[in-house]
């Protein structure tokens, strides 16, 4: 069985893939509710938003 990495390892990293012939760029993010319940995630989420902003 393949080991899948969780969101804690994948967040904020840019992933590129082809989906039905289209080039797709993904940036996994924490769910907003996770930040509400765990404020320690907020700096990570803010850094991830800078990654997204850089792609736009």
Protein backbone atom coordinates (compact mmCIF):
# COMPACT_ATOMS: atom_id res chain seq x y z
CA UNK A 1 0.00 0.00 0.00
CA UNK A 2 1.33 3.45 -0.91
CA UNK A 3 1.92 5.83 1.94
CA UNK A 4 0.13 9.16 1.47
CA UNK A 5 1.48 12.28 3.06
CA UNK A 6 -0.98 14.32 5.10
CA UNK A 7 -1.79 18.00 4.79
CA UNK A 8 0.82 18.83 7.44
CA UNK A 9 3.53 17.67 5.03
CA UNK A 10 1.98 18.89 1.78
CA UNK A 11 0.57 22.33 2.62
CA UNK A 12 2.03 25.32 0.85
CA UNK A 13 3.93 23.27 -1.73
CA UNK A 14 3.15 23.81 -5.41
CA UNK A 15 2.12 20.68 -7.29
CA UNK A 16 1.67 20.60 -11.06
CA UNK A 17 -0.23 17.88 -12.89
CA UNK A 18 -2.10 17.17 -16.07
CA UNK A 19 -5.81 16.52 -15.67
CA UNK A 20 -7.78 15.55 -18.77
CA UNK A 21 -5.20 17.31 -20.94
CA UNK A 22 -5.15 20.50 -18.86
CA UNK A 23 -2.15 21.73 -16.88
CA UNK A 24 -3.32 22.19 -13.29
CA UNK A 25 -1.43 23.84 -10.44
CA UNK A 26 -2.43 22.83 -6.91
CA UNK A 27 -1.42 24.30 -3.57
CA UNK A 28 -2.83 22.26 -0.69
CA UNK A 29 -4.03 24.43 2.20
CA UNK A 30 -5.34 23.88 5.70
CA UNK A 31 -9.12 24.08 5.94
CA UNK A 32 -10.14 27.47 7.40
CA UNK A 33 -11.91 25.73 10.31
CA UNK A 34 -8.59 24.12 11.28
CA UNK A 35 -7.11 27.59 11.81
CA UNK A 36 -10.11 28.65 13.90
CA UNK A 37 -9.69 25.66 16.20
CA UNK A 38 -5.88 25.65 16.22
CA UNK A 39 -4.48 29.21 16.13
CA UNK A 40 -0.92 27.82 15.98
CA UNK A 41 -1.61 27.01 12.32
CA UNK A 42 -2.26 30.65 11.41
CA UNK A 43 1.39 31.58 10.61
CA UNK A 44 1.66 28.50 8.36
CA UNK A 45 -1.59 29.42 6.61
CA UNK A 46 -0.40 33.00 6.09
CA UNK A 47 2.86 31.75 4.56
CA UNK A 48 0.86 29.44 2.28
CA UNK A 49 -1.26 32.41 1.17
CA UNK A 50 1.96 34.19 0.09
CA UNK A 51 2.76 31.15 -2.08
CA UNK A 52 -0.70 31.35 -3.67
CA UNK A 53 -0.35 35.11 -4.18
CA UNK A 54 2.95 34.54 -5.95
CA UNK A 55 1.22 32.22 -8.42
CA UNK A 56 -1.55 34.67 -9.30
